[in-house]
Amino acid sequence: MTKQRLVSRFLPRLSAVAVLTAALLTGAVSAPALAHTSPTRPAVVAGPAVKAPATRYVALGDSFTSGQGAPPYVLDGTPCLRSKQASYPIFANLVSPFKRVSNKACSGASTADVPAQLVGVSKETALVTLTVGGIDAGSNIVLAACAPDPVSTICLGTIQNSVAQLNVLAPKLVGTYGLVAATLPQAKIVVLSYPRQFKPGFSPLGDMLNGATDALNTVIVGSVAAMATPRVRFVDASQEFAAHGVGSRVPYFAFDPLNPYAPANFHPNALGNSFGYTRALVHDGVLRVR
């Protein structure tokens, strides 16, 4: 199936599912009955039990997987800012046979936080998706430094320091991927890229941050390659997010210009999570659209 045919098949389905899901969560429509009996048909006798294929799915990592850019958030007593209805793990669960057991990703999580996220995860997990490494490289520090004054020397110096941190990131990533693989021996581990957040040419700062994102993804690609196993693979979402950065006509990122400190800012919004990340997982064959 060509990529164009796959897109045409996937987009209407995802749109319908997303709208229906939002309606169900807000109580606008009633969920259909799970089953009914027909008086005109005889009862079906169940045959021998057939073991279902493993479909457990767990999401790990940082705010790009928790769904920070798509509020409202789950009120679970944590600062993880997990989207209640529009993170990419939720959309992935809706359009594929995989059953999302949990989204353990958390805002602000670094590679050092992934071991704790693995606690309690079933060894029968079949799929793991994660985004991690941005915090290790100092992305949160960059946003804090640049939000008040994007052209200040403090902002520019923080970006340069963040890029310098990439020199020590690769071993951390390799160690993290290896730990996930060892802890969940049956799982396919999918590492997603960080998409460019700004429309090219939108602002000098945006172009600089896009360049830093490219450098981060280069380290991630190399770290996945260093694992030398098909169980750990990289999915590049750059094509799906192209032309949809902050400043574009239809942005796939949340951004409130009146509140530069809004928690959702510069994270994939509902469109980015559905037509960006989820579509990339479908295009790369990780998800089989049902």
C-alpha atoms as a PDB file:
ATOM      1  CA  MET A   1       0.000   0.000   0.000  1.00  0.00           C
ATOM      2  CA  THR A   2       1.432   3.385  -1.007  1.00  0.00           C
ATOM      3  CA  LYS A   3       1.961   6.101   1.538  1.00  0.00           C
ATOM      4  CA  GLN A   4      -0.655   8.301  -0.172  1.00  0.00           C
ATOM      5  CA  ARG A   5      -3.285   5.532  -0.028  1.00  0.00           C
ATOM      6  CA  LEU A   6      -2.450   4.858   3.595  1.00  0.00           C
ATOM      7  CA  VAL A   7      -2.916   8.522   4.476  1.00  0.00           C
ATOM      8  CA  SER A   8      -6.282   8.679   2.685  1.00  0.00           C
ATOM      9  CA  ARG A   9      -7.400   5.554   4.514  1.00  0.00           C
ATOM     10  CA  PHE A  10      -6.196   6.665   7.913  1.00  0.00           C
ATOM     11  CA  LEU A  11      -7.201  10.321   8.135  1.00  0.00           C
ATOM     12  CA  PRO A  12     -11.011   9.935   7.886  1.00  0.00           C
ATOM     13  CA  ARG A  13     -10.930   7.070  10.355  1.00  0.00           C
ATOM     14  CA  LEU A  14      -8.830   8.992  12.864  1.00  0.00           C
ATOM     15  CA  SER A  15     -11.003  12.094  12.534  1.00  0.00           C
ATOM     16  CA  ALA A  16     -14.190  10.131  13.157  1.00  0.00           C
ATOM     17  CA  VAL A  17     -12.714   8.240  16.077  1.00  0.00           C
ATOM     18  CA  ALA A  18     -11.312  11.387  17.671  1.00  0.00           C
ATOM     19  CA  VAL A  19     -14.646  13.227  17.410  1.00  0.00           C
ATOM     20  CA  LEU A  20     -16.597  10.264  18.745  1.00  0.00           C
ATOM     21  CA  THR A  21     -14.183   9.789  21.602  1.00  0.00           C
ATOM     22  CA  ALA A  22     -14.378  13.433  22.624  1.00  0.00           C
ATOM     23  CA  ALA A  23     -18.177  13.203  22.544  1.00  0.00           C
ATOM     24  CA  LEU A  24     -18.174  10.094  24.692  1.00  0.00           C
ATOM     25  CA  LEU A  25     -15.826  11.623  27.240  1.00  0.00           C
ATOM     26  CA  THR A  26     -17.919  14.770  27.528  1.00  0.00           C
ATOM     27  CA  GLY A  27     -21.175  12.837  27.719  1.00  0.00           C
ATOM     28  CA  ALA A  28     -22.584  14.272  24.499  1.00  0.00           C
ATOM     29  CA  VAL A  29     -23.565  10.832  23.251  1.00  0.00           C
ATOM     30  CA  SER A  30     -24.211   7.524  24.882  1.00  0.00           C
ATOM     31  CA  ALA A  31     -21.920   4.557  24.456  1.00  0.00           C
ATOM     32  CA  PRO A  32     -23.520   1.716  22.455  1.00  0.00           C
ATOM     33  CA  ALA A  33     -24.560  -1.445  24.232  1.00  0.00           C
ATOM     34  CA  LEU A  34     -21.776  -3.972  24.425  1.00  0.00           C
ATOM     35  CA  ALA A  35     -23.946  -6.897  23.407  1.00  0.00           C
ATOM     36  CA  HIS A  36     -27.513  -7.992  22.831  1.00  0.00           C
ATOM     37  CA  THR A  37     -29.380 -11.250  22.380  1.00  0.00           C
ATOM     38  CA  SER A  38     -31.510 -12.083  19.366  1.00  0.00           C
ATOM     39  CA  PRO A  39     -34.600 -14.242  19.815  1.00  0.00           C
ATOM     40  CA  THR A  40     -34.442 -15.447  16.204  1.00  0.00           C
ATOM     41  CA  ARG A  41     -30.958 -16.935  16.352  1.00  0.00           C
ATOM     42  CA  PRO A  42     -29.806 -19.957  18.308  1.00  0.00           C
ATOM     43  CA  ALA A  43     -27.161 -19.553  20.936  1.00  0.00           C
ATOM     44  CA  VAL A  44     -23.601 -19.940  19.672  1.00  0.00           C
ATOM     45  CA  VAL A  45     -21.569 -22.577  21.452  1.00  0.00           C
ATOM     46  CA  ALA A  46     -18.052 -21.389  22.101  1.00  0.00           C
ATOM     47  CA  GLY A  47     -15.270 -23.440  20.602  1.00  0.00           C
ATOM     48  CA  PRO A  48     -11.828 -24.131  22.055  1.00  0.00           C
ATOM     49  CA  ALA A  49     -10.233 -21.056  23.555  1.00  0.00           C
ATOM     50  CA  VAL A  50      -7.701 -19.410  21.279  1.00  0.00           C
ATOM     51  CA  LYS A  51      -4.911 -17.439  22.898  1.00  0.00           C
ATOM     52  CA  ALA A  52      -5.126 -13.840  21.761  1.00  0.00           C
ATOM     53  CA  PRO A  53      -1.947 -12.176  20.483  1.00  0.00           C
ATOM     54  CA  ALA A  54      -0.140  -9.967  22.967  1.00  0.00           C
ATOM     55  CA  THR A  55      -1.501  -6.435  22.667  1.00  0.00           C
ATOM     56  CA  ARG A  56      -0.374  -4.732  25.883  1.00  0.00           C
ATOM     57  CA  TYR A  57       0.927  -1.244  25.196  1.00  0.00           C
ATOM     58  CA  VAL A  58       2.726   1.089  27.618  1.00  0.00           C
ATOM     59  CA  ALA A  59       3.911   4.655  26.984  1.00  0.00           C
ATOM     60  CA  LEU A  60       7.014   5.975  28.744  1.00  0.00           C
ATOM     61  CA  GLY A  61       9.142   9.087  28.796  1.00  0.00           C
ATOM     62  CA  ASP A  62       8.541  12.810  28.978  1.00  0.00           C
ATOM     63  CA  SER A  63       5.940  15.498  28.271  1.00  0.00           C
ATOM     64  CA  PHE A  64       5.768  14.836  24.526  1.00  0.00           C
ATOM     65  CA  THR A  65       4.334  11.412  25.339  1.00  0.00           C
ATOM     66  CA  SER A  66       2.334  12.427  28.414  1.00  0.00           C
ATOM     67  CA  GLY A  67       0.333  14.810  26.215  1.00  0.00           C
ATOM     68  CA  GLN A  68       1.196  18.067  27.965  1.00  0.00           C
ATOM     69  CA  GLY A  69       0.187  20.116  24.942  1.00  0.00           C
ATOM     70  CA  ALA A  70      -3.385  18.791  24.950  1.00  0.00           C
ATOM     71  CA  PRO A  71      -5.196  19.682  28.197  1.00  0.00           C
ATOM     72  CA  PRO A  72      -7.303  18.926  30.210  1.00  0.00           C
ATOM     73  CA  TYR A  73      -5.012  16.710  32.234  1.00  0.00           C
ATOM     74  CA  VAL A  74      -5.658  13.601  34.279  1.00  0.00           C
ATOM     75  CA  LEU A  75      -6.046  14.551  37.944  1.00  0.00           C
ATOM     76  CA  ASP A  76      -3.931  11.807  39.487  1.00  0.00           C
ATOM     77  CA  GLY A  77      -2.083  13.769  42.160  1.00  0.00           C
ATOM     78  CA  THR A  78       1.126  13.961  40.107  1.00  0.00           C
ATOM     79  CA  PRO A  79       2.714  16.846  38.174  1.00  0.00           C
ATOM     80  CA  CYS A  80       2.928  14.661  35.039  1.00  0.00           C
ATOM     81  CA  LEU A  81       0.383  16.623  32.962  1.00  0.00           C
ATOM     82  CA  ARG A  82      -0.995  13.560  31.197  1.00  0.00           C
ATOM     83  CA  SER A  83      -3.656  14.508  28.679  1.00  0.00           C
ATOM     84  CA  LYS A  84      -7.073  13.187  29.604  1.00  0.00           C
ATOM     85  CA  GLN A  85      -8.247  12.547  26.062  1.00  0.00           C
ATOM     86  CA  ALA A  86      -5.785  13.643  23.364  1.00  0.00           C
ATOM     87  CA  SER A  87      -2.255  12.286  23.918  1.00  0.00           C
ATOM     88  CA  TYR A  88      -0.830  10.208  21.079  1.00  0.00           C
ATOM     89  CA  PRO A  89      -0.966   6.993  23.208  1.00  0.00           C
ATOM     90  CA  ILE A  90      -4.738   7.507  23.517  1.00  0.00           C
ATOM     91  CA  PHE A  91      -5.140   7.933  19.759  1.00  0.00           C
ATOM     92  CA  ALA A  92      -2.849   4.963  19.103  1.00  0.00           C
ATOM     93  CA  ASN A  93      -5.031   2.850  21.347  1.00  0.00           C
ATOM     94  CA  LEU A  94      -8.152   3.937  19.468  1.00  0.00           C
ATOM     95  CA  VAL A  95      -7.005   3.145  15.943  1.00  0.00           C
ATOM     96  CA  SER A  96      -5.043  -0.077  16.468  1.00  0.00           C
ATOM     97  CA  PRO A  97      -5.465  -3.469  18.142  1.00  0.00           C
ATOM     98  CA  PHE A  98      -2.976  -2.519  20.855  1.00  0.00           C
ATOM     99  CA  LYS A  99      -4.516  -2.041  24.283  1.00  0.00           C
ATOM    100  CA  ARG A 100      -2.938   0.867  26.135  1.00  0.00           C
ATOM    101  CA  VAL A 101      -2.467  -0.458  29.633  1.00  0.00           C
ATOM    102  CA  SER A 102      -0.990   2.777  30.949  1.00  0.00           C
ATOM    103  CA  ASN A 103       0.680   6.044  30.029  1.00  0.00           C
ATOM    104  CA  LYS A 104       3.483   6.413  32.562  1.00  0.00           C
ATOM    105  CA  ALA A 105       5.191   9.302  30.792  1.00  0.00           C
ATOM    106  CA  CYS A 106       5.583  12.438  32.881  1.00  0.00           C
ATOM    107  CA  SER A 107       6.282  16.089  32.271  1.00  0.00           C
ATOM    108  CA  GLY A 108       9.903  16.860  33.043  1.00  0.00           C
ATOM    109  CA  ALA A 109      11.049  13.236  32.906  1.00  0.00           C
ATOM    110  CA  SER A 110      14.639  12.518  31.913  1.00  0.00           C
ATOM    111  CA  THR A 111      16.434   9.255  31.236  1.00  0.00           C
ATOM    112  CA  ALA A 112      17.014   8.982  34.998  1.00  0.00           C
ATOM    113  CA  ASP A 113      13.241   8.790  35.557  1.00  0.00           C
ATOM    114  CA  VAL A 114      12.496   5.939  33.165  1.00  0.00           C
ATOM    115  CA  PRO A 115      13.515   3.143  35.596  1.00  0.00           C
ATOM    116  CA  ALA A 116      10.808   4.255  38.032  1.00  0.00           C
ATOM    117  CA  GLN A 117       8.286   4.344  35.184  1.00  0.00           C
ATOM    118  CA  LEU A 118       9.024   0.685  34.474  1.00  0.00           C
ATOM    119  CA  VAL A 119       8.024  -0.416  37.975  1.00  0.00           C
ATOM    120  CA  GLY A 120       4.917  -2.580  37.809  1.00  0.00           C
ATOM    121  CA  VAL A 121       4.841  -2.831  34.021  1.00  0.00           C
ATOM    122  CA  SER A 122       3.896  -6.346  32.880  1.00  0.00           C
ATOM    123  CA  LYS A 123       6.624  -8.430  31.246  1.00  0.00           C
ATOM    124  CA  GLU A 124       3.981  -9.445  28.698  1.00  0.00           C
ATOM    125  CA  THR A 125       3.927  -5.903  27.300  1.00  0.00           C
ATOM    126  CA  ALA A 126       4.074  -6.085  23.501  1.00  0.00           C
ATOM    127  CA  LEU A 127       4.706  -2.439  22.600  1.00  0.00           C
ATOM    128  CA  VAL A 128       6.472   0.486  24.260  1.00  0.00           C
ATOM    129  CA  THR A 129       6.620   3.981  22.803  1.00  0.00           C
ATOM    130  CA  LEU A 130       8.679   6.745  24.343  1.00  0.00           C
ATOM    131  CA  THR A 131      10.150  10.181  23.898  1.00  0.00           C
ATOM    132  CA  VAL A 132      13.086  10.944  26.151  1.00  0.00           C
ATOM    133  CA  GLY A 133      16.313  12.940  26.033  1.00  0.00           C
ATOM    134  CA  GLY A 134      14.986  16.469  25.679  1.00  0.00           C
ATOM    135  CA  ILE A 135      15.105  17.169  29.400  1.00  0.00           C
ATOM    136  CA  ASP A 136      18.609  15.686  29.634  1.00  0.00           C
ATOM    137  CA  ALA A 137      19.657  18.186  26.971  1.00  0.00           C
ATOM    138  CA  GLY A 138      18.133  21.066  28.933  1.00  0.00           C
ATOM    139  CA  SER A 139      14.963  21.821  26.966  1.00  0.00           C
ATOM    140  CA  ASN A 140      13.051  22.947  30.063  1.00  0.00           C
ATOM    141  CA  ILE A 141      15.916  25.268  31.045  1.00  0.00           C
ATOM    142  CA  VAL A 142      15.935  26.741  27.536  1.00  0.00           C
ATOM    143  CA  LEU A 143      12.216  27.482  27.615  1.00  0.00           C
ATOM    144  CA  ALA A 144      12.487  29.107  31.045  1.00  0.00           C
ATOM    145  CA  ALA A 145      15.396  31.280  29.914  1.00  0.00           C
ATOM    146  CA  CYS A 146      13.938  32.261  26.554  1.00  0.00           C
ATOM    147  CA  ALA A 147      10.264  32.864  27.407  1.00  0.00           C
ATOM    148  CA  PRO A 148      10.837  36.314  29.005  1.00  0.00           C
ATOM    149  CA  ASP A 149      13.147  37.615  26.264  1.00  0.00           C
ATOM    150  CA  PRO A 150      13.834  35.410  23.212  1.00  0.00           C
ATOM    151  CA  VAL A 151      16.634  37.680  21.958  1.00  0.00           C
ATOM    152  CA  SER A 152      18.514  38.050  25.218  1.00  0.00           C
ATOM    153  CA  THR A 153      22.092  36.878  25.623  1.00  0.00           C
ATOM    154  CA  ILE A 154      20.868  34.631  28.453  1.00  0.00           C
ATOM    155  CA  CYS A 155      18.510  32.836  26.063  1.00  0.00           C
ATOM    156  CA  LEU A 156      21.138  32.406  23.355  1.00  0.00           C
ATOM    157  CA  GLY A 157      23.743  31.210  25.828  1.00  0.00           C
ATOM    158  CA  THR A 158      21.312  28.671  27.298  1.00  0.00           C
ATOM    159  CA  ILE A 159      20.593  27.249  23.858  1.00  0.00           C
ATOM    160  CA  GLN A 160      24.302  26.889  23.146  1.00  0.00           C
ATOM    161  CA  ASN A 161      24.818  25.138  26.470  1.00  0.00           C
ATOM    162  CA  SER A 162      21.931  22.797  25.716  1.00  0.00           C
ATOM    163  CA  VAL A 163      23.502  21.748  22.426  1.00  0.00           C
ATOM    164  CA  ALA A 164      26.791  21.129  24.259  1.00  0.00           C
ATOM    165  CA  GLN A 165      24.975  18.713  26.594  1.00  0.00           C
ATOM    166  CA  LEU A 166      24.326  16.423  23.628  1.00  0.00           C
ATOM    167  CA  ASN A 167      27.918  15.200  23.858  1.00  0.00           C
ATOM    168  CA  VAL A 168      27.093  13.167  26.958  1.00  0.00           C
ATOM    169  CA  LEU A 169      23.531  12.193  26.063  1.00  0.00           C
ATOM    170  CA  ALA A 170      24.150   9.150  23.866  1.00  0.00           C
ATOM    171  CA  PRO A 171      25.356   6.806  26.665  1.00  0.00           C
ATOM    172  CA  LYS A 172      22.323   7.761  28.751  1.00  0.00           C
ATOM    173  CA  LEU A 173      19.966   6.953  25.906  1.00  0.00           C
ATOM    174  CA  VAL A 174      21.641   3.632  25.130  1.00  0.00           C
ATOM    175  CA  GLY A 175      21.453   2.678  28.794  1.00  0.00           C
ATOM    176  CA  THR A 176      17.768   3.624  28.935  1.00  0.00           C
ATOM    177  CA  TYR A 177      16.814   1.675  25.816  1.00  0.00           C
ATOM    178  CA  GLY A 178      18.769  -1.322  27.088  1.00  0.00           C
ATOM    179  CA  LEU A 179      17.011  -1.218  30.442  1.00  0.00           C
ATOM    180  CA  VAL A 180      13.569  -1.098  28.834  1.00  0.00           C
ATOM    181  CA  ALA A 181      14.471  -3.987  26.531  1.00  0.00           C
ATOM    182  CA  ALA A 182      15.781  -6.112  29.407  1.00  0.00           C
ATOM    183  CA  THR A 183      12.826  -5.331  31.671  1.00  0.00           C
ATOM    184  CA  LEU A 184      10.218  -6.028  28.996  1.00  0.00           C
ATOM    185  CA  PRO A 185      11.668  -8.934  26.985  1.00  0.00           C
ATOM    186  CA  GLN A 186       8.645  -9.350  24.701  1.00  0.00           C
ATOM    187  CA  ALA A 187       8.186  -5.702  23.816  1.00  0.00           C
ATOM    188  CA  LYS A 188       8.881  -3.863  20.598  1.00  0.00           C
ATOM    189  CA  ILE A 189      10.411  -0.554  21.728  1.00  0.00           C
ATOM    190  CA  VAL A 190       9.656   2.450  19.556  1.00  0.00           C
ATOM    191  CA  VAL A 191      11.614   5.670  20.088  1.00  0.00           C
ATOM    192  CA  LEU A 192       9.905   8.708  18.589  1.00  0.00           C
ATOM    193  CA  SER A 193      11.654  11.831  17.336  1.00  0.00           C
ATOM    194  CA  TYR A 194      11.114  15.346  18.620  1.00  0.00           C
ATOM    195  CA  PRO A 195       9.490  17.332  15.778  1.00  0.00           C
ATOM    196  CA  ARG A 196      10.547  20.845  14.864  1.00  0.00           C
ATOM    197  CA  GLN A 197       8.394  23.219  16.896  1.00  0.00           C
ATOM    198  CA  PHE A 198       8.506  26.313  14.705  1.00  0.00           C
ATOM    199  CA  LYS A 199       7.684  27.216  11.135  1.00  0.00           C
ATOM    200  CA  PRO A 200      11.010  27.846   9.372  1.00  0.00           C
ATOM    201  CA  GLY A 201      11.617  31.590   9.150  1.00  0.00           C
ATOM    202  CA  PHE A 202       8.968  32.409  11.739  1.00  0.00           C
ATOM    203  CA  SER A 203      11.625  33.899  14.017  1.00  0.00           C
ATOM    204  CA  PRO A 204      15.407  33.741  14.478  1.00  0.00           C
ATOM    205  CA  LEU A 205      14.894  32.051  17.848  1.00  0.00           C
ATOM    206  CA  GLY A 206      12.552  29.504  16.302  1.00  0.00           C
ATOM    207  CA  ASP A 207      15.126  28.634  13.633  1.00  0.00           C
ATOM    208  CA  MET A 208      17.790  28.244  16.294  1.00  0.00           C
ATOM    209  CA  LEU A 209      15.579  25.952  18.389  1.00  0.00           C
ATOM    210  CA  ASN A 210      14.697  23.922  15.300  1.00  0.00           C
ATOM    211  CA  GLY A 211      18.406  23.423  14.717  1.00  0.00           C
ATOM    212  CA  ALA A 212      18.865  22.275  18.304  1.00  0.00           C
ATOM    213  CA  THR A 213      15.990  19.823  17.847  1.00  0.00           C
ATOM    214  CA  ASP A 214      17.655  18.426  14.725  1.00  0.00           C
ATOM    215  CA  ALA A 215      20.887  17.925  16.664  1.00  0.00           C
ATOM    216  CA  LEU A 216      19.012  16.139  19.453  1.00  0.00           C
ATOM    217  CA  ASN A 217      17.318  13.809  16.975  1.00  0.00           C
ATOM    218  CA  THR A 218      20.675  12.988  15.414  1.00  0.00           C
ATOM    219  CA  VAL A 219      21.925  11.761  18.789  1.00  0.00           C
ATOM    220  CA  ILE A 220      18.745   9.746  19.310  1.00  0.00           C
ATOM    221  CA  VAL A 221      19.054   8.098  15.881  1.00  0.00           C
ATOM    222  CA  GLY A 222      22.653   7.148  16.595  1.00  0.00           C
ATOM    223  CA  SER A 223      21.764   5.761  20.019  1.00  0.00           C
ATOM    224  CA  VAL A 224      18.999   3.578  18.579  1.00  0.00           C
ATOM    225  CA  ALA A 225      21.394   2.332  15.888  1.00  0.00           C
ATOM    226  CA  ALA A 226      23.945   1.485  18.573  1.00  0.00           C
ATOM    227  CA  MET A 227      21.457  -0.971  20.105  1.00  0.00           C
ATOM    228  CA  ALA A 228      21.835  -3.104  16.959  1.00  0.00           C
ATOM    229  CA  THR A 229      18.555  -4.932  17.511  1.00  0.00           C
ATOM    230  CA  PRO A 230      15.268  -4.810  15.567  1.00  0.00           C
ATOM    231  CA  ARG A 231      13.423  -4.723  18.880  1.00  0.00           C
ATOM    232  CA  VAL A 232      14.454  -1.090  19.359  1.00  0.00           C
ATOM    233  CA  ARG A 233      13.550   1.153  16.446  1.00  0.00           C
ATOM    234  CA  PHE A 234      13.351   4.848  15.661  1.00  0.00           C
ATOM    235  CA  VAL A 235      10.257   6.486  14.187  1.00  0.00           C
ATOM    236  CA  ASP A 236      10.813   9.887  12.613  1.00  0.00           C
ATOM    237  CA  ALA A 237       7.719  12.097  12.817  1.00  0.00           C
ATOM    238  CA  SER A 238       9.303  15.059  11.028  1.00  0.00           C
ATOM    239  CA  GLN A 239       7.394  14.517   7.777  1.00  0.00           C
ATOM    240  CA  GLU A 240       4.035  14.383   9.549  1.00  0.00           C
ATOM    241  CA  PHE A 241       4.771  17.579  11.487  1.00  0.00           C
ATOM    242  CA  ALA A 242       6.298  19.445   8.520  1.00  0.00           C
ATOM    243  CA  ALA A 243       4.591  22.787   7.776  1.00  0.00           C
ATOM    244  CA  HIS A 244       2.722  22.628  11.090  1.00  0.00           C
ATOM    245  CA  GLY A 245       5.070  24.355  13.520  1.00  0.00           C
ATOM    246  CA  VAL A 246       4.268  27.403  15.640  1.00  0.00           C
ATOM    247  CA  GLY A 247       3.562  30.263  13.216  1.00  0.00           C
ATOM    248  CA  SER A 248       1.987  28.052  10.546  1.00  0.00           C
ATOM    249  CA  ARG A 249      -1.621  28.238   9.361  1.00  0.00           C
ATOM    250  CA  VAL A 250      -2.541  24.971  11.103  1.00  0.00           C
ATOM    251  CA  PRO A 251      -0.064  24.473  13.957  1.00  0.00           C
ATOM    252  CA  TYR A 252       0.392  21.055  15.519  1.00  0.00           C
ATOM    253  CA  PHE A 253       1.841  22.678  18.648  1.00  0.00           C
ATOM    254  CA  ALA A 254       0.140  24.524  21.472  1.00  0.00           C
ATOM    255  CA  PHE A 255       1.191  28.150  21.882  1.00  0.00           C
ATOM    256  CA  ASP A 256      -0.462  30.992  23.767  1.00  0.00           C
ATOM    257  CA  PRO A 257       1.323  34.256  22.863  1.00  0.00           C
ATOM    258  CA  LEU A 258      -0.420  36.018  25.755  1.00  0.00           C
ATOM    259  CA  ASN A 259       0.971  33.542  28.278  1.00  0.00           C
ATOM    260  CA  PRO A 260       4.519  32.452  27.445  1.00  0.00           C
ATOM    261  CA  TYR A 261       4.586  30.291  30.575  1.00  0.00           C
ATOM    262  CA  ALA A 262       1.449  28.266  29.777  1.00  0.00           C
ATOM    263  CA  PRO A 263       2.240  24.583  30.525  1.00  0.00           C
ATOM    264  CA  ALA A 264       0.947  23.416  27.140  1.00  0.00           C
ATOM    265  CA  ASN A 265       3.168  25.766  25.117  1.00  0.00           C
ATOM    266  CA  PHE A 266       5.543  24.227  22.543  1.00  0.00           C
ATOM    267  CA  HIS A 267       4.152  20.700  22.995  1.00  0.00           C
ATOM    268  CA  PRO A 268       2.108  18.784  20.399  1.00  0.00           C
ATOM    269  CA  ASN A 269      -1.571  19.685  20.655  1.00  0.00           C
ATOM    270  CA  ALA A 270      -4.446  17.319  19.832  1.00  0.00           C
ATOM    271  CA  LEU A 271      -3.778  17.701  16.091  1.00  0.00           C
ATOM    272  CA  GLY A 272      -0.086  17.030  16.582  1.00  0.00           C
ATOM    273  CA  ASN A 273      -0.753  13.937  18.656  1.00  0.00           C
ATOM    274  CA  SER A 274      -3.268  12.533  16.181  1.00  0.00           C
ATOM    275  CA  PHE A 275      -2.145  13.637  12.720  1.00  0.00           C
ATOM    276  CA  GLY A 276       1.506  13.951  13.750  1.00  0.00           C
ATOM    277  CA  TYR A 277       2.710  11.257  16.123  1.00  0.00           C
ATOM    278  CA  THR A 278      -0.074   8.690  15.658  1.00  0.00           C
ATOM    279  CA  ARG A 279       0.038   8.983  11.889  1.00  0.00           C
ATOM    280  CA  ALA A 280       3.834   8.530  11.962  1.00  0.00           C
ATOM    281  CA  LEU A 281       3.373   5.297  13.927  1.00  0.00           C
ATOM    282  CA  VAL A 282       0.907   4.093  11.289  1.00  0.00           C
ATOM    283  CA  HIS A 283       3.102   5.127   8.367  1.00  0.00           C
ATOM    284  CA  ASP A 284       6.081   3.276   9.811  1.00  0.00           C
ATOM    285  CA  GLY A 285       4.059   0.102  10.353  1.00  0.00           C
ATOM    286  CA  VAL A 286       4.164   0.163  14.149  1.00  0.00           C
ATOM    287  CA  LEU A 287       0.366   0.391  14.357  1.00  0.00           C
ATOM    288  CA  ARG A 288      -1.930  -1.700  12.211  1.00  0.00           C
ATOM    289  CA  VAL A 289      -5.102   0.337  11.642  1.00  0.00           C
ATOM    290  CA  ARG A 290      -8.097  -1.812  12.483  1.00  0.00           C
END
